């Protein structure tokens, strides 16, 4: 996969896909999540 062995910054959206959900999708890879946040974009 293109994300294997990469460092990832996850920024989720409160009204869309939260950061924790994106992190769960990355668990099958060897990507390292170095920062994860769920923000509210208004």
PDB file of N, CA and C in Angstrom:
ATOM      1  N   UNK A   1       0.844  -1.183   0.000  1.00  0.00           N
ATOM      2  CA  UNK A   1       0.000   0.000   0.000  1.00  0.00           C
ATOM      3  C   UNK A   1       0.886   1.242   0.000  1.00  0.00           C
ATOM      4  N   UNK A   2       0.382   2.322  -0.550  1.00  0.00           N
ATOM      5  CA  UNK A   2       1.154   3.560  -0.680  1.00  0.00           C
ATOM      6  C   UNK A   2       1.466   4.209   0.674  1.00  0.00           C
ATOM      7  N   UNK A   3       0.723   3.877   1.720  1.00  0.00           N
ATOM      8  CA  UNK A   3       0.938   4.510   3.026  1.00  0.00           C
ATOM      9  C   UNK A   3       1.857   3.707   3.944  1.00  0.00           C
ATOM     10  N   UNK A   4       2.270   2.529   3.533  1.00  0.00           N
ATOM     11  CA  UNK A   4       3.131   1.709   4.386  1.00  0.00           C
ATOM     12  C   UNK A   4       4.426   2.444   4.718  1.00  0.00           C
ATOM     13  N   UNK A   5       4.806   2.371   5.995  1.00  0.00           N
ATOM     14  CA  UNK A   5       6.034   2.969   6.522  1.00  0.00           C
ATOM     15  C   UNK A   5       6.078   4.485   6.395  1.00  0.00           C
ATOM     16  N   UNK A   6       4.920   5.118   6.396  1.00  0.00           N
ATOM     17  CA  UNK A   6       4.836   6.585   6.337  1.00  0.00           C
ATOM     18  C   UNK A   6       4.352   7.127   7.674  1.00  0.00           C
ATOM     19  N   UNK A   7       4.654   8.390   7.949  1.00  0.00           N
ATOM     20  CA  UNK A   7       4.132   9.086   9.122  1.00  0.00           C
ATOM     21  C   UNK A   7       2.919   9.893   8.663  1.00  0.00           C
ATOM     22  N   UNK A   8       1.807   9.764   9.394  1.00  0.00           N
ATOM     23  CA  UNK A   8       0.527  10.320   8.953  1.00  0.00           C
ATOM     24  C   UNK A   8       0.002  11.330   9.965  1.00  0.00           C
ATOM     25  N   UNK A   9      -0.534  12.438   9.466  1.00  0.00           N
ATOM     26  CA  UNK A   9      -1.269  13.411  10.268  1.00  0.00           C
ATOM     27  C   UNK A   9      -2.731  13.290   9.850  1.00  0.00           C
ATOM     28  N   UNK A  10      -3.613  13.014  10.812  1.00  0.00           N
ATOM     29  CA  UNK A  10      -5.038  12.818  10.536  1.00  0.00           C
ATOM     30  C   UNK A  10      -5.808  14.015  11.069  1.00  0.00           C
ATOM     31  N   UNK A  11      -6.579  14.656  10.191  1.00  0.00           N
ATOM     32  CA  UNK A  11      -7.465  15.749  10.602  1.00  0.00           C
ATOM     33  C   UNK A  11      -8.865  15.379  10.145  1.00  0.00           C
ATOM     34  N   UNK A  12      -9.704  15.030  11.107  1.00  0.00           N
ATOM     35  CA  UNK A  12     -11.081  14.653  10.811  1.00  0.00           C
ATOM     36  C   UNK A  12     -12.005  15.843  10.961  1.00  0.00           C
ATOM     37  N   UNK A  13     -13.246  15.645  10.568  1.00  0.00           N
ATOM     38  CA  UNK A  13     -14.269  16.688  10.634  1.00  0.00           C
ATOM     39  C   UNK A  13     -15.376  16.241  11.572  1.00  0.00           C
ATOM     40  N   UNK A  14     -15.804  17.127  12.449  1.00  0.00           N
ATOM     41  CA  UNK A  14     -16.830  16.792  13.428  1.00  0.00           C
ATOM     42  C   UNK A  14     -18.133  16.373  12.758  1.00  0.00           C
ATOM     43  N   UNK A  15     -18.526  17.028  11.678  1.00  0.00           N
ATOM     44  CA  UNK A  15     -19.775  16.715  10.986  1.00  0.00           C
ATOM     45  C   UNK A  15     -19.580  15.721   9.849  1.00  0.00           C
ATOM     46  N   UNK A  16     -18.365  15.292   9.631  1.00  0.00           N
ATOM     47  CA  UNK A  16     -18.067  14.333   8.560  1.00  0.00           C
ATOM     48  C   UNK A  16     -17.483  13.073   9.147  1.00  0.00           C
ATOM     49  N   UNK A  17     -16.239  12.801   8.819  1.00  0.00           N
ATOM     50  CA  UNK A  17     -15.557  11.601   9.311  1.00  0.00           C
ATOM     51  C   UNK A  17     -14.598  12.008  10.419  1.00  0.00           C
ATOM     52  N   UNK A  18     -14.821  11.542  11.654  1.00  0.00           N
ATOM     53  CA  UNK A  18     -13.926  11.893  12.756  1.00  0.00           C
ATOM     54  C   UNK A  18     -12.533  11.278  12.591  1.00  0.00           C
ATOM     55  N   UNK A  19     -11.557  11.920  13.197  1.00  0.00           N
ATOM     56  CA  UNK A  19     -10.178  11.458  13.119  1.00  0.00           C
ATOM     57  C   UNK A  19      -9.985  10.038  13.611  1.00  0.00           C
ATOM     58  N   UNK A  20     -10.711   9.646  14.653  1.00  0.00           N
ATOM     59  CA  UNK A  20     -10.571   8.288  15.198  1.00  0.00           C
ATOM     60  C   UNK A  20     -10.995   7.239  14.186  1.00  0.00           C
ATOM     61  N   UNK A  21     -12.005   7.548  13.373  1.00  0.00           N
ATOM     62  CA  UNK A  21     -12.454   6.599  12.349  1.00  0.00           C
ATOM     63  C   UNK A  21     -11.386   6.427  11.267  1.00  0.00           C
ATOM     64  N   UNK A  22     -10.727   7.520  10.909  1.00  0.00           N
ATOM     65  CA  UNK A  22      -9.663   7.447   9.909  1.00  0.00           C
ATOM     66  C   UNK A  22      -8.491   6.636  10.459  1.00  0.00           C
ATOM     67  N   UNK A  23      -8.178   6.836  11.747  1.00  0.00           N
ATOM     68  CA  UNK A  23      -7.107   6.054  12.383  1.00  0.00           C
ATOM     69  C   UNK A  23      -7.414   4.561  12.327  1.00  0.00           C
ATOM     70  N   UNK A  24      -8.657   4.187  12.580  1.00  0.00           N
ATOM     71  CA  UNK A  24      -9.039   2.769  12.538  1.00  0.00           C
ATOM     72  C   UNK A  24      -8.802   2.184  11.155  1.00  0.00           C
ATOM     73  N   UNK A  25      -9.045   2.961  10.115  1.00  0.00           N
ATOM     74  CA  UNK A  25      -8.828   2.484   8.748  1.00  0.00           C
ATOM     75  C   UNK A  25      -7.346   2.264   8.451  1.00  0.00           C
ATOM     76  N   UNK A  26      -6.473   2.958   9.162  1.00  0.00           N
ATOM     77  CA  UNK A  26      -5.033   2.842   8.925  1.00  0.00           C
ATOM     78  C   UNK A  26      -4.385   1.706   9.712  1.00  0.00           C
ATOM     79  N   UNK A  27      -5.134   1.038  10.582  1.00  0.00           N
ATOM     80  CA  UNK A  27      -4.558  -0.005  11.428  1.00  0.00           C
ATOM     81  C   UNK A  27      -4.063  -1.210  10.645  1.00  0.00           C
ATOM     82  N   UNK A  28      -4.541  -1.431   9.439  1.00  0.00           N
ATOM     83  CA  UNK A  28      -4.088  -2.558   8.641  1.00  0.00           C
ATOM     84  C   UNK A  28      -2.793  -2.279   7.898  1.00  0.00           C
ATOM     85  N   UNK A  29      -2.245  -1.072   8.055  1.00  0.00           N
ATOM     86  CA  UNK A  29      -1.006  -0.703   7.370  1.00  0.00           C
ATOM     87  C   UNK A  29       0.110  -0.551   8.405  1.00  0.00           C
ATOM     88  N   UNK A  30       1.304  -0.282   7.930  1.00  0.00           N
ATOM     89  CA  UNK A  30       2.406  -0.012   8.844  1.00  0.00           C
ATOM     90  C   UNK A  30       2.626   1.491   9.006  1.00  0.00           C
ATOM     91  N   UNK A  31       1.625   2.289   8.598  1.00  0.00           N
ATOM     92  CA  UNK A  31       1.705   3.743   8.747  1.00  0.00           C
ATOM     93  C   UNK A  31       1.663   4.107  10.227  1.00  0.00           C
ATOM     94  N   UNK A  32       2.397   5.150  10.596  1.00  0.00           N
ATOM     95  CA  UNK A  32       2.436   5.622  11.977  1.00  0.00           C
ATOM     96  C   UNK A  32       1.670   6.945  12.064  1.00  0.00           C
ATOM     97  N   UNK A  33       0.600   6.967  12.865  1.00  0.00           N
ATOM     98  CA  UNK A  33      -0.166   8.194  13.069  1.00  0.00           C
ATOM     99  C   UNK A  33       0.563   9.014  14.120  1.00  0.00           C
ATOM    100  N   UNK A  34       1.117  10.158  13.721  1.00  0.00           N
ATOM    101  CA  UNK A  34       1.878  10.987  14.643  1.00  0.00           C
ATOM    102  C   UNK A  34       1.014  12.081  15.269  1.00  0.00           C
ATOM    103  N   UNK A  35      -0.124  12.397  14.626  1.00  0.00           N
ATOM    104  CA  UNK A  35      -1.053  13.388  15.175  1.00  0.00           C
ATOM    105  C   UNK A  35      -2.440  13.081  14.639  1.00  0.00           C
ATOM    106  N   UNK A  36      -3.436  13.147  15.536  1.00  0.00           N
ATOM    107  CA  UNK A  36      -4.815  12.923  15.117  1.00  0.00           C
ATOM    108  C   UNK A  36      -5.700  13.896  15.863  1.00  0.00           C
ATOM    109  N   UNK A  37      -6.619  14.509  15.120  1.00  0.00           N
ATOM    110  CA  UNK A  37      -7.522  15.485  15.718  1.00  0.00           C
ATOM    111  C   UNK A  37      -8.832  15.481  14.945  1.00  0.00           C
ATOM    112  N   UNK A  38      -9.912  15.834  15.644  1.00  0.00           N
ATOM    113  CA  UNK A  38     -11.202  16.055  15.002  1.00  0.00           C
ATOM    114  C   UNK A  38     -11.560  17.499  15.212  1.00  0.00           C
ATOM    115  N   UNK A  39     -11.742  18.220  14.135  1.00  0.00           N
ATOM    116  CA  UNK A  39     -11.988  19.669  14.192  1.00  0.00           C
ATOM    117  C   UNK A  39     -13.389  19.991  13.704  1.00  0.00           C
ATOM    118  N   UNK A  40     -13.836  21.188  14.003  1.00  0.00           N
ATOM    119  CA  UNK A  40     -15.110  21.709  13.528  1.00  0.00           C
ATOM    120  C   UNK A  40     -14.804  22.825  12.540  1.00  0.00           C
ATOM    121  N   UNK A  41     -15.093  22.576  11.263  1.00  0.00           N
ATOM    122  CA  UNK A  41     -14.837  23.581  10.234  1.00  0.00           C
ATOM    123  C   UNK A  41     -16.145  24.299   9.923  1.00  0.00           C
ATOM    124  N   UNK A  42     -16.193  25.569  10.244  1.00  0.00           N
ATOM    125  CA  UNK A  42     -17.414  26.352  10.019  1.00  0.00           C
ATOM    126  C   UNK A  42     -17.152  27.403   8.970  1.00  0.00           C
TER     127      UNK A  42
END
